[in-house]
Amino acid sequence: MRAAPDTRPSVGLSFPSLFFVFGTILVLNLVGNVLNGVVRGDLRSLIGIPIGGALILSLARRCTRAQFETRALG
């Protein structure tokens, strides 16, 4: 069955929902790294804290948000 030519395809996730999903995943990863380092004493997991922090900061930058908005509209 083919779609009518005047119908528009769905855009998918909008930028705010993508930002929320990615941000939530990164924050949960940071919490997991801290808990592994503190509770289990696994110091190797602590390397994920600065990496996750850098990813959250890069995701929150204005130019990154602008790229998501441009791609979502296009």
N, C-alpha and C. Protein backbone atom coordinates (compact mmCIF):
# COMPACT_ATOMS: atom_id res chain seq x y z
N MET A 1 0.85 -1.17 0.00
CA MET A 1 0.00 0.00 0.00
C MET A 1 0.89 1.23 0.00
N ARG A 2 0.62 2.15 -0.89
CA ARG A 2 1.43 3.35 -1.00
C ARG A 2 0.73 4.51 -0.33
N ALA A 3 1.53 5.42 0.22
CA ALA A 3 0.97 6.61 0.86
C ALA A 3 0.55 7.61 -0.20
N ALA A 4 -0.44 8.38 0.11
CA ALA A 4 -0.89 9.43 -0.79
C ALA A 4 0.22 10.45 -0.97
N PRO A 5 0.37 11.03 -2.16
CA PRO A 5 1.49 11.95 -2.41
C PRO A 5 1.43 13.23 -1.59
N ASP A 6 0.27 13.61 -1.08
CA ASP A 6 0.19 14.86 -0.33
C ASP A 6 0.45 14.66 1.17
N THR A 7 0.70 13.44 1.62
CA THR A 7 0.98 13.22 3.03
C THR A 7 2.45 13.49 3.31
N ARG A 8 2.73 13.92 4.52
CA ARG A 8 4.10 14.21 4.92
C ARG A 8 4.60 13.13 5.86
N PRO A 9 5.84 12.72 5.72
CA PRO A 9 6.37 11.72 6.66
C PRO A 9 6.57 12.34 8.03
N SER A 10 6.50 11.52 9.04
CA SER A 10 6.72 12.04 10.39
C SER A 10 8.18 12.41 10.57
N VAL A 11 8.42 13.46 11.36
CA VAL A 11 9.77 13.97 11.56
C VAL A 11 10.53 13.10 12.55
N GLY A 12 9.85 12.50 13.49
CA GLY A 12 10.51 11.70 14.51
C GLY A 12 10.65 12.50 15.79
N LEU A 13 11.72 12.27 16.49
CA LEU A 13 11.94 12.97 17.75
C LEU A 13 12.34 14.41 17.49
N SER A 14 11.75 15.31 18.24
CA SER A 14 12.13 16.71 18.11
C SER A 14 13.40 16.97 18.92
N PHE A 15 13.96 18.15 18.76
CA PHE A 15 15.21 18.46 19.44
C PHE A 15 15.10 18.39 20.96
N PRO A 16 14.08 18.97 21.58
CA PRO A 16 14.03 18.88 23.05
C PRO A 16 13.97 17.45 23.55
N SER A 17 13.26 16.58 22.84
CA SER A 17 13.21 15.20 23.31
C SER A 17 14.54 14.49 23.09
N LEU A 18 15.24 14.79 21.99
CA LEU A 18 16.56 14.20 21.77
C LEU A 18 17.54 14.67 22.83
N PHE A 19 17.51 15.95 23.14
CA PHE A 19 18.40 16.48 24.16
C PHE A 19 18.12 15.82 25.50
N PHE A 20 16.85 15.63 25.82
CA PHE A 20 16.48 14.99 27.09
C PHE A 20 16.96 13.54 27.12
N VAL A 21 16.79 12.81 26.03
CA VAL A 21 17.21 11.41 25.99
C VAL A 21 18.73 11.30 26.13
N PHE A 22 19.47 12.07 25.33
CA PHE A 22 20.94 12.00 25.39
C PHE A 22 21.46 12.46 26.74
N GLY A 23 20.89 13.55 27.25
CA GLY A 23 21.32 14.06 28.55
C GLY A 23 21.05 13.07 29.67
N THR A 24 19.89 12.43 29.64
CA THR A 24 19.54 11.45 30.66
C THR A 24 20.48 10.26 30.62
N ILE A 25 20.80 9.78 29.43
CA ILE A 25 21.72 8.65 29.31
C ILE A 25 23.09 9.02 29.87
N LEU A 26 23.58 10.20 29.55
CA LEU A 26 24.89 10.61 30.04
C LEU A 26 24.91 10.80 31.55
N VAL A 27 23.85 11.37 32.10
CA VAL A 27 23.79 11.56 33.56
C VAL A 27 23.72 10.21 34.27
N LEU A 28 22.94 9.28 33.74
CA LEU A 28 22.88 7.95 34.35
C LEU A 28 24.23 7.25 34.27
N ASN A 29 24.94 7.45 33.20
CA ASN A 29 26.27 6.88 33.06
C ASN A 29 27.21 7.47 34.10
N LEU A 30 27.14 8.78 34.32
CA LEU A 30 27.98 9.41 35.35
C LEU A 30 27.66 8.88 36.74
N VAL A 31 26.39 8.73 37.04
CA VAL A 31 25.99 8.20 38.34
C VAL A 31 26.51 6.77 38.50
N GLY A 32 26.40 5.98 37.46
CA GLY A 32 26.91 4.61 37.51
C GLY A 32 28.41 4.56 37.73
N ASN A 33 29.14 5.46 37.07
CA ASN A 33 30.59 5.51 37.25
C ASN A 33 30.97 5.88 38.68
N VAL A 34 30.27 6.86 39.23
CA VAL A 34 30.55 7.27 40.61
C VAL A 34 30.23 6.14 41.58
N LEU A 35 29.10 5.49 41.38
CA LEU A 35 28.73 4.39 42.28
C LEU A 35 29.71 3.22 42.17
N ASN A 36 30.15 2.90 40.98
CA ASN A 36 31.15 1.84 40.84
C ASN A 36 32.44 2.21 41.53
N GLY A 37 32.83 3.46 41.44
CA GLY A 37 34.07 3.88 42.09
C GLY A 37 33.97 3.89 43.60
N VAL A 38 32.83 4.30 44.13
CA VAL A 38 32.67 4.42 45.58
C VAL A 38 32.28 3.09 46.22
N VAL A 39 31.25 2.44 45.70
CA VAL A 39 30.72 1.24 46.34
C VAL A 39 31.62 0.03 46.09
N ARG A 40 32.01 -0.20 44.86
CA ARG A 40 32.80 -1.37 44.53
C ARG A 40 34.30 -1.14 44.65
N GLY A 41 34.69 0.11 44.74
CA GLY A 41 36.12 0.42 44.84
C GLY A 41 36.86 0.26 43.53
N ASP A 42 36.15 0.25 42.42
CA ASP A 42 36.77 0.10 41.10
C ASP A 42 37.21 1.48 40.61
N LEU A 43 38.46 1.79 40.79
CA LEU A 43 38.95 3.12 40.44
C LEU A 43 39.03 3.34 38.93
N ARG A 44 39.05 2.27 38.15
CA ARG A 44 39.11 2.42 36.70
C ARG A 44 37.83 3.06 36.15
N SER A 45 36.73 2.87 36.85
CA SER A 45 35.47 3.45 36.35
C SER A 45 35.44 4.96 36.53
N LEU A 46 36.30 5.51 37.36
CA LEU A 46 36.30 6.95 37.60
C LEU A 46 36.78 7.74 36.39
N ILE A 47 37.42 7.09 35.42
CA ILE A 47 37.87 7.79 34.22
C ILE A 47 36.66 8.25 33.40
N GLY A 48 35.51 7.61 33.59
CA GLY A 48 34.32 7.99 32.85
C GLY A 48 33.69 9.28 33.32
N ILE A 49 34.07 9.75 34.51
CA ILE A 49 33.46 10.98 35.04
C ILE A 49 33.87 12.21 34.22
N PRO A 50 35.16 12.45 33.98
CA PRO A 50 35.49 13.62 33.15
C PRO A 50 35.06 13.46 31.69
N ILE A 51 35.05 12.22 31.20
CA ILE A 51 34.62 12.00 29.82
C ILE A 51 33.13 12.30 29.69
N GLY A 52 32.34 11.77 30.61
CA GLY A 52 30.90 12.04 30.59
C GLY A 52 30.59 13.51 30.80
N GLY A 53 31.34 14.17 31.68
CA GLY A 53 31.15 15.60 31.90
C GLY A 53 31.44 16.40 30.64
N ALA A 54 32.50 16.02 29.94
CA ALA A 54 32.84 16.72 28.70
C ALA A 54 31.76 16.50 27.64
N LEU A 55 31.20 15.30 27.58
CA LEU A 55 30.14 15.04 26.61
C LEU A 55 28.88 15.84 26.94
N ILE A 56 28.55 15.95 28.22
CA ILE A 56 27.39 16.74 28.60
C ILE A 56 27.61 18.21 28.27
N LEU A 57 28.81 18.71 28.54
CA LEU A 57 29.10 20.11 28.21
C LEU A 57 29.05 20.35 26.71
N SER A 58 29.58 19.43 25.93
CA SER A 58 29.55 19.62 24.48
C SER A 58 28.12 19.53 23.94
N LEU A 59 27.29 18.68 24.56
CA LEU A 59 25.90 18.58 24.14
C LEU A 59 25.12 19.84 24.49
N ALA A 60 25.50 20.50 25.57
CA ALA A 60 24.78 21.69 26.02
C ALA A 60 25.24 22.97 25.31
N ARG A 61 26.30 22.89 24.51
CA ARG A 61 26.78 24.10 23.83
C ARG A 61 25.76 24.58 22.81
N ARG A 62 25.76 25.86 22.58
CA ARG A 62 24.80 26.49 21.69
C ARG A 62 24.97 26.00 20.24
N CYS A 63 26.21 25.85 19.78
CA CYS A 63 26.41 25.44 18.38
C CYS A 63 25.96 23.99 18.16
N THR A 64 26.09 23.14 19.18
CA THR A 64 25.61 21.77 19.05
C THR A 64 24.10 21.74 18.98
N ARG A 65 23.45 22.54 19.82
CA ARG A 65 21.99 22.62 19.78
C ARG A 65 21.52 23.16 18.44
N ALA A 66 22.25 24.10 17.87
CA ALA A 66 21.86 24.66 16.57
C ALA A 66 21.94 23.60 15.47
N GLN A 67 22.93 22.71 15.54
CA GLN A 67 23.03 21.64 14.54
C GLN A 67 21.85 20.67 14.65
N PHE A 68 21.44 20.36 15.86
CA PHE A 68 20.29 19.47 16.02
C PHE A 68 19.04 20.12 15.47
N GLU A 69 18.84 21.40 15.75
CA GLU A 69 17.64 22.09 15.27
C GLU A 69 17.64 22.18 13.76
N THR A 70 18.79 22.45 13.15
CA THR A 70 18.87 22.55 11.70
C THR A 70 18.56 21.22 11.04
N ARG A 71 19.12 20.14 11.56
CA ARG A 71 18.89 18.83 10.96
C ARG A 71 17.47 18.36 11.18
N ALA A 72 16.86 18.73 12.30
CA ALA A 72 15.49 18.30 12.55
C ALA A 72 14.52 19.02 11.61
N LEU A 73 14.82 20.25 11.25
CA LEU A 73 13.94 21.00 10.36
C LEU A 73 14.14 20.62 8.91
N GLY A 74 15.37 20.21 8.56
CA GLY A 74 15.67 19.91 7.17
C GLY A 74 15.31 18.56 6.82
